[in-house]
Each structure stands twice: as structure tokens, then as C-alpha cells.
Amino acid sequence: MEEIRSAKDQLRKEIIKKLGALTEKQRTEKIRAIESRLCDFANFLEARIALLYMAGPYEVRTQEILRRTLELNKILALPAFAPEGRGVTTWKVDNPDKDLTPGPRGVLEPDPARCKPVPLQRIDIAIIPGWAFDEKGLRIGSGQGYYDRFLPELPITTRKVALAFEEQIVSQIPTEPHDKHVDIIITNKRTIYKI
């Protein structure tokens, strides 16, 4: 297990280096391509309730996707993680500029005082962050396990889609028994369906 964790840490360092080499202009262009692919994606277009995320430093930024989701008259849900990382709740967000507050992962999360809960069983599509992915749909996140614990709670009918820069796609993700996969990965160049 220690060997796998070490391999994951090394992979995270490689991804940080690759993404760090991108200029802000390159990053913005790639994000626009990812946004365009997602907004043309049938599962996203057909979804009534879409779960998204607020990006950490090495994840695809989602501010524009949040705005477009609301413009399409979808219900926008965002996760809120318990401080100890053992639980998650999903909340309807009507105004990302006003309804969010800093969470335990260091990213903005829904403010329960301003948002209403969304039952997991109602989510049609879940957009999942990550630092690295392979074509089998396996992912590596920040290493805290938030999404590995959360993904199994989503209904089997919820389409699990990751957003990634092409630089985040690797040949193989080292895995541990608790690691979870996504169904589809949308990059700035292609849509990858889990093999």
C-alpha cells in the first residue's frame, strides 16, 4: 500500500509540473474547450439536476459552467463535505456569488443557511474533479479521499463525468481497493468513455 501511495504522490507532482507549465492563456483556452464539450454533451443537456464542484488549484475551473448550468434552467447542486471528511451533503445553489462559503477542503462550498438540500437520489449527472485520470476512468484527487467516499453514495443511474486537461490523462493510475472510477472524462481534446 505504501508503494501505491508513493506512486500516487509522484503522479501528483508530475501533474503539478505539467499544469504549472501552462500559461494562463493556454489554461483558459483549454477550459473553454472543456466547457464547450460538456455543454454539448447529451447527458448534461438532458440532466435536470447537475452536481458540479468548485475547483481546487489543480482541477478544471467551473465558474463558467456553473453560470451556464443555471442559464439552462437546471438545478445546480454543489457538495459540502463534513470537516472530518467522512460525510457529504448536496445543496441547491441559486447564486454562486452569494451562496458559498469556505469549506474544510479549502474551496468554496454551499452555505447551509442560504441553500436547500438536494437528495443524492435526484442527481442526474455528477461532474467530478480530479488531478489525474486514466482511460479506464480511474482518478486521483488531492489525496484526502473525499470523492472516493462520496462516489459510492451516488445512485448507479447518476452519470459520473470528470473534467480534465489532456495533460491530466495518464496511461495508468496506481490503485488501492477504495479508489473509485468515473464513467466518462471530458478533456479539451476528446471525450473518453470508460473502457
C-alpha atoms as a PDB file:
ATOM      1  CA  MET A   1       0.000   0.000   0.000  1.00  0.00           C
ATOM      2  CA  GLU A   2       2.812   2.404   0.831  1.00  0.00           C
ATOM      3  CA  GLU A   3       4.293   1.797  -2.620  1.00  0.00           C
ATOM      4  CA  ILE A   4       0.974   2.714  -4.271  1.00  0.00           C
ATOM      5  CA  ARG A   5       0.615   5.862  -2.178  1.00  0.00           C
ATOM      6  CA  SER A   6       4.145   6.861  -3.104  1.00  0.00           C
ATOM      7  CA  ALA A   7       3.374   6.298  -6.806  1.00  0.00           C
ATOM      8  CA  LYS A   8       0.246   8.460  -6.470  1.00  0.00           C
ATOM      9  CA  ASP A   9       2.231  11.227  -4.788  1.00  0.00           C
ATOM     10  CA  GLN A  10       4.783  11.100  -7.603  1.00  0.00           C
ATOM     11  CA  LEU A  11       1.994  11.287 -10.178  1.00  0.00           C
ATOM     12  CA  ARG A  12       0.517  14.327  -8.406  1.00  0.00           C
ATOM     13  CA  LYS A  13       3.927  16.035  -8.584  1.00  0.00           C
ATOM     14  CA  GLU A  14       4.152  15.300 -12.320  1.00  0.00           C
ATOM     15  CA  ILE A  15       0.674  16.742 -12.920  1.00  0.00           C
ATOM     16  CA  ILE A  16       1.502  19.870 -10.883  1.00  0.00           C
ATOM     17  CA  LYS A  17       4.598  20.345 -13.045  1.00  0.00           C
ATOM     18  CA  LYS A  18       2.661  19.846 -16.318  1.00  0.00           C
ATOM     19  CA  LEU A  19      -0.142  22.200 -15.314  1.00  0.00           C
ATOM     20  CA  GLY A  20       2.339  24.711 -13.912  1.00  0.00           C
ATOM     21  CA  ALA A  21       3.951  24.920 -17.356  1.00  0.00           C
ATOM     22  CA  LEU A  22       0.698  26.167 -18.904  1.00  0.00           C
ATOM     23  CA  THR A  23       0.270  29.901 -19.335  1.00  0.00           C
ATOM     24  CA  GLU A  24      -2.951  31.449 -18.074  1.00  0.00           C
ATOM     25  CA  LYS A  25      -3.983  31.977 -21.704  1.00  0.00           C
ATOM     26  CA  GLN A  26      -3.407  28.278 -22.520  1.00  0.00           C
ATOM     27  CA  ARG A  27      -5.299  27.200 -19.419  1.00  0.00           C
ATOM     28  CA  THR A  28      -8.233  29.496 -20.264  1.00  0.00           C
ATOM     29  CA  GLU A  29      -8.394  28.204 -23.857  1.00  0.00           C
ATOM     30  CA  LYS A  30      -8.378  24.596 -22.641  1.00  0.00           C
ATOM     31  CA  ILE A  31     -11.098  25.324 -20.067  1.00  0.00           C
ATOM     32  CA  ARG A  32     -13.260  26.914 -22.774  1.00  0.00           C
ATOM     33  CA  ALA A  33     -12.865  23.795 -24.935  1.00  0.00           C
ATOM     34  CA  ILE A  34     -13.850  21.574 -21.981  1.00  0.00           C
ATOM     35  CA  GLU A  35     -16.846  23.806 -21.192  1.00  0.00           C
ATOM     36  CA  SER A  36     -17.978  23.630 -24.815  1.00  0.00           C
ATOM     37  CA  ARG A  37     -17.680  19.820 -24.907  1.00  0.00           C
ATOM     38  CA  LEU A  38     -19.611  19.461 -21.641  1.00  0.00           C
ATOM     39  CA  CYS A  39     -22.377  21.844 -22.718  1.00  0.00           C
ATOM     40  CA  ASP A  40     -22.801  19.848 -25.967  1.00  0.00           C
ATOM     41  CA  PHE A  41     -22.751  16.509 -24.113  1.00  0.00           C
ATOM     42  CA  ALA A  42     -26.141  14.765 -24.317  1.00  0.00           C
ATOM     43  CA  ASN A  43     -26.118  13.521 -20.707  1.00  0.00           C
ATOM     44  CA  PHE A  44     -25.503  17.079 -19.499  1.00  0.00           C
ATOM     45  CA  LEU A  45     -28.134  18.594 -21.781  1.00  0.00           C
ATOM     46  CA  GLU A  46     -30.747  16.034 -20.670  1.00  0.00           C
ATOM     47  CA  ALA A  47     -29.949  16.342 -16.950  1.00  0.00           C
ATOM     48  CA  ARG A  48     -32.413  18.218 -14.794  1.00  0.00           C
ATOM     49  CA  ILE A  49     -30.244  18.250 -11.655  1.00  0.00           C
ATOM     50  CA  ALA A  50     -26.495  18.640 -12.162  1.00  0.00           C
ATOM     51  CA  LEU A  51     -23.962  18.238  -9.376  1.00  0.00           C
ATOM     52  CA  LEU A  52     -20.822  20.254 -10.020  1.00  0.00           C
ATOM     53  CA  TYR A  53     -17.823  21.274  -7.938  1.00  0.00           C
ATOM     54  CA  MET A  54     -15.765  24.311  -7.058  1.00  0.00           C
ATOM     55  CA  ALA A  55     -12.240  23.745  -8.314  1.00  0.00           C
ATOM     56  CA  GLY A  56      -9.130  23.371  -6.231  1.00  0.00           C
ATOM     57  CA  PRO A  57      -5.755  24.530  -7.601  1.00  0.00           C
ATOM     58  CA  TYR A  58      -5.106  21.560  -9.946  1.00  0.00           C
ATOM     59  CA  GLU A  59      -8.636  20.971 -11.188  1.00  0.00           C
ATOM     60  CA  VAL A  60     -10.575  22.389 -14.140  1.00  0.00           C
ATOM     61  CA  ARG A  61     -12.207  25.643 -13.056  1.00  0.00           C
ATOM     62  CA  THR A  62     -16.011  25.554 -13.188  1.00  0.00           C
ATOM     63  CA  GLN A  63     -17.258  29.121 -12.639  1.00  0.00           C
ATOM     64  CA  GLU A  64     -18.480  29.490 -16.242  1.00  0.00           C
ATOM     65  CA  ILE A  65     -20.038  26.001 -16.180  1.00  0.00           C
ATOM     66  CA  LEU A  66     -21.946  26.928 -13.021  1.00  0.00           C
ATOM     67  CA  ARG A  67     -23.289  30.028 -14.761  1.00  0.00           C
ATOM     68  CA  ARG A  68     -24.248  28.122 -17.903  1.00  0.00           C
ATOM     69  CA  THR A  69     -25.940  25.393 -15.852  1.00  0.00           C
ATOM     70  CA  LEU A  70     -28.193  27.993 -14.267  1.00  0.00           C
ATOM     71  CA  GLU A  71     -28.835  29.672 -17.650  1.00  0.00           C
ATOM     72  CA  LEU A  72     -30.050  26.299 -18.974  1.00  0.00           C
ATOM     73  CA  ASN A  73     -32.616  26.275 -16.130  1.00  0.00           C
ATOM     74  CA  LYS A  74     -31.059  23.233 -14.493  1.00  0.00           C
ATOM     75  CA  ILE A  75     -30.953  22.766 -10.764  1.00  0.00           C
ATOM     76  CA  LEU A  76     -27.356  23.374  -9.738  1.00  0.00           C
ATOM     77  CA  ALA A  77     -26.143  21.287  -6.812  1.00  0.00           C
ATOM     78  CA  LEU A  78     -22.767  21.526  -5.094  1.00  0.00           C
ATOM     79  CA  PRO A  79     -21.328  19.251  -2.397  1.00  0.00           C
ATOM     80  CA  ALA A  80     -20.450  20.259   1.145  1.00  0.00           C
ATOM     81  CA  PHE A  81     -18.027  17.980   2.966  1.00  0.00           C
ATOM     82  CA  ALA A  82     -18.016  17.415   6.718  1.00  0.00           C
ATOM     83  CA  PRO A  83     -14.894  18.842   8.375  1.00  0.00           C
ATOM     84  CA  GLU A  84     -13.591  15.360   9.234  1.00  0.00           C
ATOM     85  CA  GLY A  85     -14.153  14.320   5.600  1.00  0.00           C
ATOM     86  CA  ARG A  86     -16.493  11.477   6.471  1.00  0.00           C
ATOM     87  CA  GLY A  87     -19.752  12.851   5.187  1.00  0.00           C
ATOM     88  CA  VAL A  88     -21.138  14.860   2.315  1.00  0.00           C
ATOM     89  CA  THR A  89     -24.360  16.697   1.683  1.00  0.00           C
ATOM     90  CA  THR A  90     -25.502  18.209  -1.601  1.00  0.00           C
ATOM     91  CA  TRP A  91     -27.143  21.607  -1.791  1.00  0.00           C
ATOM     92  CA  LYS A  92     -29.091  23.597  -4.379  1.00  0.00           C
ATOM     93  CA  VAL A  93     -27.209  26.766  -5.273  1.00  0.00           C
ATOM     94  CA  ASP A  94     -29.125  29.608  -6.911  1.00  0.00           C
ATOM     95  CA  ASN A  95     -26.388  32.255  -6.824  1.00  0.00           C
ATOM     96  CA  PRO A  96     -22.742  31.065  -6.669  1.00  0.00           C
ATOM     97  CA  ASP A  97     -21.613  34.618  -5.857  1.00  0.00           C
ATOM     98  CA  LYS A  98     -23.720  34.765  -2.675  1.00  0.00           C
ATOM     99  CA  ASP A  99     -24.488  31.176  -1.638  1.00  0.00           C
ATOM    100  CA  LEU A 100     -20.961  29.855  -0.997  1.00  0.00           C
ATOM    101  CA  THR A 101     -18.617  29.871   1.969  1.00  0.00           C
ATOM    102  CA  PRO A 102     -15.097  28.399   2.559  1.00  0.00           C
ATOM    103  CA  GLY A 103     -15.209  24.657   3.323  1.00  0.00           C
ATOM    104  CA  PRO A 104     -12.816  22.186   5.022  1.00  0.00           C
ATOM    105  CA  ARG A 105     -11.051  21.339   1.732  1.00  0.00           C
ATOM    106  CA  GLY A 106     -10.055  24.960   1.256  1.00  0.00           C
ATOM    107  CA  VAL A 107     -12.568  25.542  -1.565  1.00  0.00           C
ATOM    108  CA  LEU A 108     -15.945  27.246  -1.564  1.00  0.00           C
ATOM    109  CA  GLU A 109     -18.973  25.140  -0.604  1.00  0.00           C
ATOM    110  CA  PRO A 110     -22.715  25.823  -0.266  1.00  0.00           C
ATOM    111  CA  ASP A 111     -23.744  27.745   2.815  1.00  0.00           C
ATOM    112  CA  PRO A 112     -26.496  25.661   4.502  1.00  0.00           C
ATOM    113  CA  ALA A 113     -28.023  28.888   5.802  1.00  0.00           C
ATOM    114  CA  ARG A 114     -28.667  30.055   2.225  1.00  0.00           C
ATOM    115  CA  CYS A 115     -29.164  26.773   0.317  1.00  0.00           C
ATOM    116  CA  LYS A 116     -31.670  23.914   0.310  1.00  0.00           C
ATOM    117  CA  PRO A 117     -30.590  20.242   0.457  1.00  0.00           C
ATOM    118  CA  VAL A 118     -30.746  18.105  -2.690  1.00  0.00           C
ATOM    119  CA  PRO A 119     -31.218  14.349  -2.163  1.00  0.00           C
ATOM    120  CA  LEU A 120     -28.455  12.307  -3.821  1.00  0.00           C
ATOM    121  CA  GLN A 121     -31.070  10.086  -5.472  1.00  0.00           C
ATOM    122  CA  ARG A 122     -32.293  13.081  -7.518  1.00  0.00           C
ATOM    123  CA  ILE A 123     -28.941  13.909  -9.136  1.00  0.00           C
ATOM    124  CA  ASP A 124     -28.895  13.088 -12.858  1.00  0.00           C
ATOM    125  CA  ILE A 125     -25.256  13.906 -13.616  1.00  0.00           C
ATOM    126  CA  ALA A 126     -22.300  14.407 -11.287  1.00  0.00           C
ATOM    127  CA  ILE A 127     -19.321  16.391 -12.545  1.00  0.00           C
ATOM    128  CA  ILE A 128     -16.304  15.142 -10.581  1.00  0.00           C
ATOM    129  CA  PRO A 129     -12.921  16.841 -10.075  1.00  0.00           C
ATOM    130  CA  GLY A 130      -9.524  15.171 -10.047  1.00  0.00           C
ATOM    131  CA  TRP A 131      -5.816  15.661 -10.527  1.00  0.00           C
ATOM    132  CA  ALA A 132      -5.098  12.707 -12.844  1.00  0.00           C
ATOM    133  CA  PHE A 133      -7.148  10.143 -14.773  1.00  0.00           C
ATOM    134  CA  ASP A 134      -6.606   7.103 -16.965  1.00  0.00           C
ATOM    135  CA  GLU A 135      -8.778   5.820 -19.811  1.00  0.00           C
ATOM    136  CA  LYS A 136     -10.345   3.209 -17.522  1.00  0.00           C
ATOM    137  CA  GLY A 137     -11.989   6.043 -15.610  1.00  0.00           C
ATOM    138  CA  LEU A 138      -9.759   5.757 -12.551  1.00  0.00           C
ATOM    139  CA  ARG A 139      -8.848   9.007 -10.870  1.00  0.00           C
ATOM    140  CA  ILE A 140      -6.537  10.565  -8.347  1.00  0.00           C
ATOM    141  CA  GLY A 141      -7.704  13.542  -6.360  1.00  0.00           C
ATOM    142  CA  SER A 142      -5.975  15.601  -3.727  1.00  0.00           C
ATOM    143  CA  GLY A 143      -5.280  12.502  -1.630  1.00  0.00           C
ATOM    144  CA  GLN A 144      -7.804  13.170   1.110  1.00  0.00           C
ATOM    145  CA  GLY A 145     -10.345  10.623  -0.175  1.00  0.00           C
ATOM    146  CA  TYR A 146     -13.356  12.937  -0.166  1.00  0.00           C
ATOM    147  CA  TYR A 147     -14.662  11.825  -3.554  1.00  0.00           C
ATOM    148  CA  ASP A 148     -13.667   8.148  -3.133  1.00  0.00           C
ATOM    149  CA  ARG A 149     -16.019   8.070  -0.139  1.00  0.00           C
ATOM    150  CA  PHE A 150     -18.679  10.151  -1.897  1.00  0.00           C
ATOM    151  CA  LEU A 151     -18.916   8.439  -5.320  1.00  0.00           C
ATOM    152  CA  PRO A 152     -20.371   5.142  -3.992  1.00  0.00           C
ATOM    153  CA  GLU A 153     -23.206   7.114  -2.365  1.00  0.00           C
ATOM    154  CA  LEU A 154     -24.449   8.334  -5.763  1.00  0.00           C
ATOM    155  CA  PRO A 155     -27.125   6.214  -7.451  1.00  0.00           C
ATOM    156  CA  ILE A 156     -25.935   3.814 -10.137  1.00  0.00           C
ATOM    157  CA  THR A 157     -28.104   5.769 -12.604  1.00  0.00           C
ATOM    158  CA  THR A 158     -26.211   9.026 -11.972  1.00  0.00           C
ATOM    159  CA  ARG A 159     -23.726   9.590 -14.798  1.00  0.00           C
ATOM    160  CA  LYS A 160     -20.313  10.355 -13.259  1.00  0.00           C
ATOM    161  CA  VAL A 161     -18.298  12.658 -15.519  1.00  0.00           C
ATOM    162  CA  ALA A 162     -14.842  14.088 -14.875  1.00  0.00           C
ATOM    163  CA  LEU A 163     -13.422  17.246 -16.395  1.00  0.00           C
ATOM    164  CA  ALA A 164      -9.697  17.200 -17.155  1.00  0.00           C
ATOM    165  CA  PHE A 165      -6.990  18.880 -19.129  1.00  0.00           C
ATOM    166  CA  GLU A 166      -5.435  16.495 -21.640  1.00  0.00           C
ATOM    167  CA  GLU A 167      -2.226  16.881 -19.576  1.00  0.00           C
ATOM    168  CA  GLN A 168      -4.008  15.114 -16.694  1.00  0.00           C
ATOM    169  CA  ILE A 169      -4.612  11.905 -18.666  1.00  0.00           C
ATOM    170  CA  VAL A 170      -2.021   9.238 -17.861  1.00  0.00           C
ATOM    171  CA  SER A 171      -1.523   5.674 -19.053  1.00  0.00           C
ATOM    172  CA  GLN A 172      -2.392   4.067 -15.716  1.00  0.00           C
ATOM    173  CA  ILE A 173      -3.464   5.185 -12.271  1.00  0.00           C
ATOM    174  CA  PRO A 174      -1.979   3.200  -9.381  1.00  0.00           C
ATOM    175  CA  THR A 175      -4.978   1.915  -7.444  1.00  0.00           C
ATOM    176  CA  GLU A 176      -5.970   0.900  -3.968  1.00  0.00           C
ATOM    177  CA  PRO A 177      -9.163  -1.023  -3.104  1.00  0.00           C
ATOM    178  CA  HIS A 178     -11.018   2.145  -2.036  1.00  0.00           C
ATOM    179  CA  ASP A 179     -10.345   4.029  -5.314  1.00  0.00           C
ATOM    180  CA  LYS A 180     -13.440   4.773  -7.419  1.00  0.00           C
ATOM    181  CA  HIS A 181     -13.815   5.482 -11.117  1.00  0.00           C
ATOM    182  CA  VAL A 182     -15.883   7.821 -13.257  1.00  0.00           C
ATOM    183  CA  ASP A 183     -17.923   6.815 -16.310  1.00  0.00           C
ATOM    184  CA  ILE A 184     -16.706   9.486 -18.713  1.00  0.00           C
ATOM    185  CA  ILE A 185     -13.853  12.002 -18.899  1.00  0.00           C
ATOM    186  CA  ILE A 186     -14.205  15.185 -20.933  1.00  0.00           C
ATOM    187  CA  THR A 187     -10.912  16.848 -21.866  1.00  0.00           C
ATOM    188  CA  ASN A 188     -10.098  19.837 -24.032  1.00  0.00           C
ATOM    189  CA  LYS A 189      -9.470  17.426 -26.941  1.00  0.00           C
ATOM    190  CA  ARG A 190     -11.784  14.410 -26.531  1.00  0.00           C
ATOM    191  CA  THR A 191     -14.475  12.559 -24.627  1.00  0.00           C
ATOM    192  CA  ILE A 192     -13.226   9.315 -23.061  1.00  0.00           C
ATOM    193  CA  TYR A 193     -15.698   6.576 -22.214  1.00  0.00           C
ATOM    194  CA  LYS A 194     -14.549   4.159 -19.529  1.00  0.00           C
ATOM    195  CA  ILE A 195     -13.028   1.058 -21.096  1.00  0.00           C
END
